[in-house]
Amino acid sequence: MLAIQVVDDEARTLVWKNVSDPVCGREEVLVDVCAAALNRADLLQRAGKYPAPYGASKILGLEIAGRISMLGDQVHDWKLDDRVCALLPGGGYAERAVVPAAMLMPIPEDWSYEQASSLPECFLTAFVNIYIEAGLESGEVILVHGGASGIGTAAIQLASVTGNPVIVTASSLEKVTACTNLGADLAINYRKHDFVEKVISYTNGDGVDVIMDIVAGSYIERNIKILKSKGRLVVISTLGGVRAEIDLGQLMRLRARIIGSVLRSRSMLEKIEIKQRFMDLFWPHIVSGKILPVIDSIYPIDQAMLAHQHMHDNRNIGKIVLKIQ
C-alpha cells in the first residue's frame, strides 16, 4: 500500500510511498482509508519528539474514516463495506489501516468521510478530559484554551449540549467570532486581552470550575488564579513549555487539582471504555446534527507537507483533513 513516510532530512519531508500492508488480527478489521485528520501530535512525531507507543504503527495519523475491507474471524458486529471512523495510536496517513473492532464508530448517513475523520481524536480527547478527568458537573463553568482548535471546537459543542457555560481563548478576531458562533458564552482574544482579567470580570470574581489547557508553561500560574474552590485544571498539551512555577499555598487553599492527561498512550481497554461512554452520552446529538466536526481545510494526501505547515502556522479554525481515496 501507499503511506506517508518521514524522510530523515532537515525538513523532515513527508513522502507518499509504498510500504508493507498492515496485518489484520482476529479481533480487528482492515479499513480502506478515505480521509485522515491532522493533530498536533503528528507534527511532534514528524519532528522526532513524540514517538509512537510501543507496538503501534510508526506511520503518522491518529484518526481516520473509511470502509471496512476485511474482517478478523472474531469480528461479528460489523460487515464488509461498512462506513466507519476510528481513533488510532498511529497508522492513519495510509491507504489502509488496521483497527480493533471495538474501537470503531459508525459514520452517520449524511456525513462525508472528511467529516467523520475529524470526529474521533478531538471529540474523545475533549470528552475524556472534561467529563472523566475533570468530572465537569451540571452548571459548572469551563474555560478552554485554544477554542478554535479541533479539540476546542469539540469542547465548545460538548459543553453546550450539557448546558455548561463555556469560556474560550483564541488568537484572532476571526477565531473569537467562530467560537462565539459555535456556542461559546465568552471568547477572549488573548493577544489583545489578559484572559485572567476577562474571566474574573465575566464571572463577577467567581472564576471557573474546570480549565482544559493546551499551553501549560506560564499559563499554569495564571490558570490557578481563576480557579474556584475545588477547581480542576487539566493539562493536555505543553505548547507554552513543560515547566511552571506555582503557589502551592494557593492551590492548597483552593483544594484545587492539577491533572496531567494524554489519550494516545492509554491502554486499548481504557480507550474502548472512553469511546463507549462518549457514544452513550453524545451519539444521539451527533446523529441529530446538533454536534458536527468543524473542518477548516482539506488537502490531498500528497500535499501533507502543506497541511502540516497550515497547522504549524496556527491558521486553522477546526480540523485540517487529508483526503486519501
Protein backbone atom coordinates (compact mmCIF):
# COMPACT_ATOMS: atom_id res chain seq x y z
CA MET A 1 0.00 0.00 0.00
CA LEU A 2 0.93 3.69 -0.13
CA ALA A 3 1.53 5.64 3.05
CA ILE A 4 3.19 8.83 4.22
CA GLN A 5 6.77 8.34 5.37
CA VAL A 6 9.01 10.87 7.10
CA VAL A 7 12.35 11.44 5.38
CA ASP A 8 15.25 11.89 7.78
CA ASP A 9 16.37 15.20 6.27
CA GLU A 10 16.48 18.73 7.66
CA ALA A 11 12.89 19.49 6.58
CA ARG A 12 11.55 16.13 7.81
CA THR A 13 9.93 15.82 4.40
CA LEU A 14 6.72 13.81 4.06
CA VAL A 15 6.58 11.49 1.06
CA TRP A 16 3.78 9.24 -0.26
CA LYS A 17 5.43 5.91 -0.99
CA ASN A 18 4.98 2.15 -0.94
CA VAL A 19 5.19 0.35 2.41
CA SER A 20 4.14 -3.06 3.70
CA ASP A 21 0.43 -3.69 4.20
CA PRO A 22 -0.79 -3.91 7.83
CA VAL A 23 -1.82 -7.34 9.08
CA CYS A 24 -5.40 -7.75 10.31
CA GLY A 25 -5.77 -9.63 13.60
CA ARG A 26 -8.65 -11.87 14.65
CA GLU A 27 -10.46 -9.11 16.59
CA GLU A 28 -9.55 -6.37 14.13
CA VAL A 29 -10.78 -5.01 10.82
CA LEU A 30 -8.87 -3.65 7.85
CA VAL A 31 -10.14 -0.24 6.76
CA ASP A 32 -9.60 1.29 3.32
CA VAL A 33 -8.86 4.82 4.47
CA CYS A 34 -10.67 7.64 2.68
CA ALA A 35 -9.65 10.52 4.95
CA ALA A 36 -7.37 11.18 7.91
CA ALA A 37 -7.38 14.27 10.12
CA LEU A 38 -4.34 16.12 11.45
CA ASN A 39 -3.41 16.55 15.09
CA ARG A 40 -0.52 18.46 16.68
CA ALA A 41 0.83 15.11 17.85
CA ASP A 42 1.51 14.38 14.18
CA LEU A 43 3.76 17.43 13.93
CA LEU A 44 5.62 16.41 17.07
CA GLN A 45 6.05 12.83 15.87
CA ARG A 46 7.29 14.03 12.48
CA ALA A 47 9.88 16.20 14.31
CA GLY A 48 11.05 13.17 16.29
CA LYS A 49 9.70 14.47 19.59
CA TYR A 50 6.71 12.14 20.11
CA PRO A 51 7.37 8.53 19.10
CA ALA A 52 4.51 6.11 18.56
CA PRO A 53 3.60 3.93 21.56
CA TYR A 54 5.22 0.50 21.73
CA GLY A 55 3.68 -1.85 19.20
CA ALA A 56 1.80 0.86 17.30
CA SER A 57 2.33 1.74 13.65
CA LYS A 58 5.07 4.31 13.14
CA ILE A 59 3.06 5.89 10.32
CA LEU A 60 1.58 9.26 11.27
CA GLY A 61 -2.14 9.66 11.82
CA LEU A 62 -4.41 9.22 14.84
CA GLU A 63 -7.91 9.33 13.32
CA ILE A 64 -9.40 8.01 10.11
CA ALA A 65 -12.60 7.35 8.21
CA GLY A 66 -13.16 4.78 5.50
CA ARG A 67 -14.73 1.45 4.52
CA ILE A 68 -14.15 -1.99 6.04
CA SER A 69 -12.38 -4.23 3.51
CA MET A 70 -11.51 -7.22 5.74
CA LEU A 71 -12.87 -8.72 8.96
CA GLY A 72 -10.96 -10.73 11.54
CA ASP A 73 -12.58 -14.11 12.22
CA GLN A 74 -13.66 -12.98 15.71
CA VAL A 75 -15.47 -9.87 14.42
CA HIS A 76 -19.23 -10.31 14.23
CA ASP A 77 -20.75 -6.84 14.78
CA TRP A 78 -19.51 -5.29 11.52
CA LYS A 79 -19.65 -6.24 7.84
CA LEU A 80 -17.64 -5.55 4.72
CA ASP A 81 -18.08 -2.06 3.21
CA ASP A 82 -19.44 -0.59 6.45
CA ARG A 83 -18.51 3.09 6.68
CA VAL A 84 -16.57 3.65 9.89
CA CYS A 85 -14.29 6.07 11.71
CA ALA A 86 -11.82 5.33 14.46
CA LEU A 87 -9.17 6.57 16.85
CA LEU A 88 -5.73 5.06 16.22
CA PRO A 89 -2.41 5.02 18.10
CA GLY A 90 -0.81 5.54 14.66
CA GLY A 91 -1.09 4.50 11.03
CA GLY A 92 -3.71 6.89 9.68
CA TYR A 93 -1.80 8.55 6.83
CA ALA A 94 -2.10 5.46 4.64
CA GLU A 95 -4.33 3.70 2.13
CA ARG A 96 -5.19 1.02 4.68
CA ALA A 97 -5.20 0.79 8.47
CA VAL A 98 -5.93 -1.94 11.00
CA VAL A 99 -8.36 -1.10 13.80
CA PRO A 100 -9.63 -3.14 16.76
CA ALA A 101 -13.30 -3.73 16.01
CA ALA A 102 -14.25 -2.46 19.48
CA MET A 103 -12.81 0.98 18.62
CA LEU A 104 -14.95 1.52 15.52
CA MET A 105 -17.70 4.11 15.32
CA PRO A 106 -20.29 4.19 12.53
CA ILE A 107 -20.42 7.17 10.20
CA PRO A 108 -23.78 9.00 10.19
CA GLU A 109 -25.51 8.57 6.84
CA ASP A 110 -25.27 12.20 5.77
CA TRP A 111 -21.62 12.70 6.80
CA SER A 112 -18.69 12.77 4.41
CA TYR A 113 -15.54 10.80 5.13
CA GLU A 114 -13.77 14.10 5.76
CA GLN A 115 -16.27 14.99 8.48
CA ALA A 116 -16.05 11.54 10.05
CA SER A 117 -12.25 11.55 10.14
CA SER A 118 -12.46 14.76 12.19
CA LEU A 119 -14.51 13.17 14.96
CA PRO A 120 -12.53 10.51 16.90
CA GLU A 121 -9.38 12.16 18.26
CA CYS A 122 -10.64 15.65 19.06
CA PHE A 123 -14.03 14.66 20.45
CA LEU A 124 -12.74 11.74 22.50
CA THR A 125 -9.90 13.94 23.82
CA ALA A 126 -12.31 16.70 24.79
CA PHE A 127 -14.71 14.20 26.32
CA VAL A 128 -12.23 12.25 28.44
CA ASN A 129 -10.59 15.37 29.82
CA ILE A 130 -13.71 17.40 30.51
CA TYR A 131 -16.12 14.74 31.73
CA ILE A 132 -13.92 11.94 33.07
CA GLU A 133 -10.66 13.54 34.23
CA ALA A 134 -12.17 16.86 35.39
CA GLY A 135 -15.61 15.45 36.16
CA LEU A 136 -17.50 18.50 34.86
CA GLU A 137 -20.85 18.67 36.61
CA SER A 138 -24.14 20.35 35.76
CA GLY A 139 -23.95 24.14 35.94
CA GLU A 140 -20.16 24.30 36.30
CA VAL A 141 -18.22 26.81 34.21
CA ILE A 142 -15.40 25.63 31.95
CA LEU A 143 -12.53 27.54 30.33
CA VAL A 144 -10.98 26.02 27.19
CA HIS A 145 -7.70 27.37 25.88
CA GLY A 146 -7.33 27.14 22.11
CA GLY A 147 -11.06 27.35 21.47
CA ALA A 148 -10.68 27.41 17.68
CA SER A 149 -8.61 24.22 17.52
CA GLY A 150 -10.13 20.87 16.68
CA ILE A 151 -10.30 19.94 20.35
CA GLY A 152 -11.52 23.41 21.27
CA THR A 153 -14.38 23.39 18.77
CA ALA A 154 -15.33 19.93 20.02
CA ALA A 155 -15.25 21.07 23.66
CA ILE A 156 -17.49 24.06 22.94
CA GLN A 157 -20.12 21.82 21.40
CA LEU A 158 -20.00 19.17 24.12
CA ALA A 159 -20.26 21.74 26.91
CA SER A 160 -23.12 23.47 25.10
CA VAL A 161 -25.02 20.20 24.85
CA THR A 162 -24.61 19.52 28.59
CA GLY A 163 -25.65 23.09 29.44
CA ASN A 164 -22.32 24.22 30.89
CA PRO A 165 -21.23 27.86 30.43
CA VAL A 166 -18.06 27.78 28.32
CA ILE A 167 -15.34 30.40 28.05
CA VAL A 168 -12.55 30.08 25.48
CA THR A 169 -9.37 31.83 24.46
CA ALA A 170 -8.31 32.30 20.84
CA SER A 171 -5.68 34.23 18.90
CA SER A 172 -7.67 36.43 16.49
CA LEU A 173 -10.96 38.20 15.93
CA GLU A 174 -11.88 35.66 13.28
CA LYS A 175 -11.31 32.79 15.71
CA VAL A 176 -13.14 34.57 18.54
CA THR A 177 -16.13 35.08 16.24
CA ALA A 178 -16.09 31.45 15.14
CA CYS A 179 -16.06 30.23 18.76
CA THR A 180 -18.94 32.51 19.70
CA ASN A 181 -20.97 31.34 16.70
CA LEU A 182 -20.30 27.76 17.74
CA GLY A 183 -21.77 28.35 21.21
CA ALA A 184 -19.07 29.80 23.46
CA ASP A 185 -20.55 32.16 26.05
CA LEU A 186 -17.37 34.25 26.12
CA ALA A 187 -14.44 34.17 23.68
CA ILE A 188 -11.30 36.10 24.61
CA ASN A 189 -8.64 37.25 22.15
CA TYR A 190 -5.60 36.52 24.29
CA ARG A 191 -3.36 38.60 22.03
CA LYS A 192 -5.31 41.74 22.97
CA HIS A 193 -6.66 40.98 26.43
CA ASP A 194 -5.48 39.38 29.67
CA PHE A 195 -7.65 36.28 29.93
CA VAL A 196 -7.34 36.31 33.74
CA GLU A 197 -8.85 39.79 33.97
CA LYS A 198 -11.56 38.97 31.44
CA VAL A 199 -12.59 35.77 33.23
CA ILE A 200 -12.67 37.46 36.64
CA SER A 201 -14.80 40.29 35.24
CA TYR A 202 -17.18 37.99 33.37
CA THR A 203 -17.73 35.70 36.35
CA ASN A 204 -18.02 38.59 38.85
CA GLY A 205 -14.91 37.39 40.60
CA ASP A 206 -16.04 33.77 40.98
CA GLY A 207 -13.72 32.19 38.42
CA VAL A 208 -14.25 28.83 36.72
CA ASP A 209 -14.67 25.24 37.86
CA VAL A 210 -12.70 23.49 35.12
CA ILE A 211 -9.90 24.54 32.77
CA MET A 212 -8.68 22.49 29.81
CA ASP A 213 -5.23 23.80 28.97
CA ILE A 214 -3.12 23.14 25.87
CA VAL A 215 -0.48 25.77 26.74
CA ALA A 216 0.98 24.96 30.19
CA GLY A 217 4.20 26.88 30.93
CA SER A 218 3.39 30.35 32.26
CA TYR A 219 -0.34 29.68 31.87
CA ILE A 220 -0.35 27.32 34.85
CA GLU A 221 0.08 30.04 37.46
CA ARG A 222 -2.45 32.27 35.70
CA ASN A 223 -4.95 29.43 35.44
CA ILE A 224 -4.79 28.78 39.18
CA LYS A 225 -5.70 32.43 39.84
CA ILE A 226 -9.10 31.94 38.22
CA LEU A 227 -10.00 28.53 39.62
CA LYS A 228 -12.89 28.26 42.04
CA SER A 229 -12.62 26.28 45.24
CA LYS A 230 -12.23 22.60 44.31
CA GLY A 231 -11.46 23.64 40.72
CA ARG A 232 -9.77 21.28 38.30
CA LEU A 233 -7.06 22.20 35.80
CA VAL A 234 -6.41 19.56 33.13
CA VAL A 235 -3.18 19.95 31.17
CA ILE A 236 -3.38 18.13 27.82
CA SER A 237 -0.50 19.76 25.93
CA THR A 238 2.55 21.91 26.63
CA LEU A 239 2.76 24.36 23.74
CA GLY A 240 3.97 27.04 26.15
CA GLY A 241 6.62 24.89 27.82
CA VAL A 242 6.91 21.96 30.22
CA ARG A 243 7.96 23.90 33.32
CA ALA A 244 5.96 26.23 35.54
CA GLU A 245 6.24 27.96 38.92
CA ILE A 246 3.13 27.86 41.07
CA ASP A 247 1.98 28.97 44.50
CA LEU A 248 1.30 25.68 46.25
CA GLY A 249 -0.29 27.51 49.15
CA GLN A 250 -2.92 28.94 46.84
CA LEU A 251 -3.52 25.52 45.33
CA MET A 252 -3.97 24.06 48.81
CA ARG A 253 -6.31 26.82 49.98
CA LEU A 254 -8.47 26.27 46.93
CA ARG A 255 -8.34 22.50 47.39
CA ALA A 256 -7.80 22.55 43.64
CA ARG A 257 -6.30 19.85 41.45
CA ILE A 258 -3.88 19.90 38.52
CA ILE A 259 -4.35 16.86 36.29
CA GLY A 260 -1.95 15.75 33.59
CA SER A 261 -3.60 13.83 30.77
CA VAL A 262 -2.83 12.11 27.47
CA LEU A 263 -5.01 9.85 25.34
CA ARG A 264 -2.67 8.17 22.86
CA SER A 265 -0.67 6.05 25.30
CA ARG A 266 -3.65 4.71 27.27
CA SER A 267 -4.41 1.01 27.08
CA MET A 268 -6.78 -0.26 24.42
CA LEU A 269 -9.28 -1.32 27.08
CA GLU A 270 -9.35 2.18 28.51
CA LYS A 271 -9.81 3.72 25.07
CA ILE A 272 -12.68 1.36 24.33
CA GLU A 273 -14.38 2.38 27.57
CA ILE A 274 -13.86 6.09 26.76
CA LYS A 275 -15.31 5.61 23.27
CA GLN A 276 -18.35 3.76 24.61
CA ARG A 277 -19.06 6.32 27.33
CA PHE A 278 -18.78 9.10 24.77
CA MET A 279 -21.23 7.35 22.45
CA ASP A 280 -23.66 6.64 25.28
CA LEU A 281 -23.85 10.32 26.18
CA PHE A 282 -23.36 12.18 22.93
CA TRP A 283 -24.10 9.93 19.95
CA PRO A 284 -27.78 10.95 19.73
CA HIS A 285 -26.66 14.56 19.35
CA ILE A 286 -24.22 13.57 16.60
CA VAL A 287 -26.88 11.65 14.67
CA SER A 288 -29.32 14.57 15.05
CA GLY A 289 -26.76 17.04 13.70
CA LYS A 290 -26.54 19.06 16.90
CA ILE A 291 -22.84 18.17 17.10
CA LEU A 292 -20.71 18.46 13.95
CA PRO A 293 -16.95 18.46 13.47
CA VAL A 294 -15.66 21.81 12.27
CA ILE A 295 -13.48 21.44 9.16
CA ASP A 296 -11.03 24.18 8.29
CA SER A 297 -9.48 22.77 5.12
CA ILE A 298 -8.96 19.58 3.09
CA TYR A 299 -5.68 18.67 1.39
CA PRO A 300 -4.88 15.76 -0.94
CA ILE A 301 -2.64 13.26 0.85
CA ASP A 302 0.31 14.11 -1.40
CA GLN A 303 0.13 17.66 -0.04
CA ALA A 304 0.59 16.57 3.57
CA MET A 305 3.56 18.93 3.94
CA LEU A 306 1.34 21.92 3.14
CA ALA A 307 -1.31 20.66 5.57
CA HIS A 308 1.30 20.37 8.33
CA GLN A 309 2.55 23.89 7.63
CA HIS A 310 -1.03 25.20 7.84
CA MET A 311 -1.35 23.71 11.32
CA HIS A 312 2.16 24.80 12.35
CA ASP A 313 1.24 28.39 11.45
CA ASN A 314 -1.85 28.15 13.70
CA ARG A 315 -4.12 29.33 10.89
CA ASN A 316 -6.83 26.72 11.22
CA ILE A 317 -10.28 27.02 12.75
CA GLY A 318 -11.28 23.42 13.42
CA LYS A 319 -9.79 20.39 11.72
CA ILE A 320 -7.36 20.01 8.83
CA VAL A 321 -8.07 16.86 6.79
CA LEU A 322 -6.07 14.74 4.35
CA LYS A 323 -8.13 13.20 1.56
CA ILE A 324 -6.73 9.78 0.66
CA GLN A 325 -9.28 7.95 -1.51
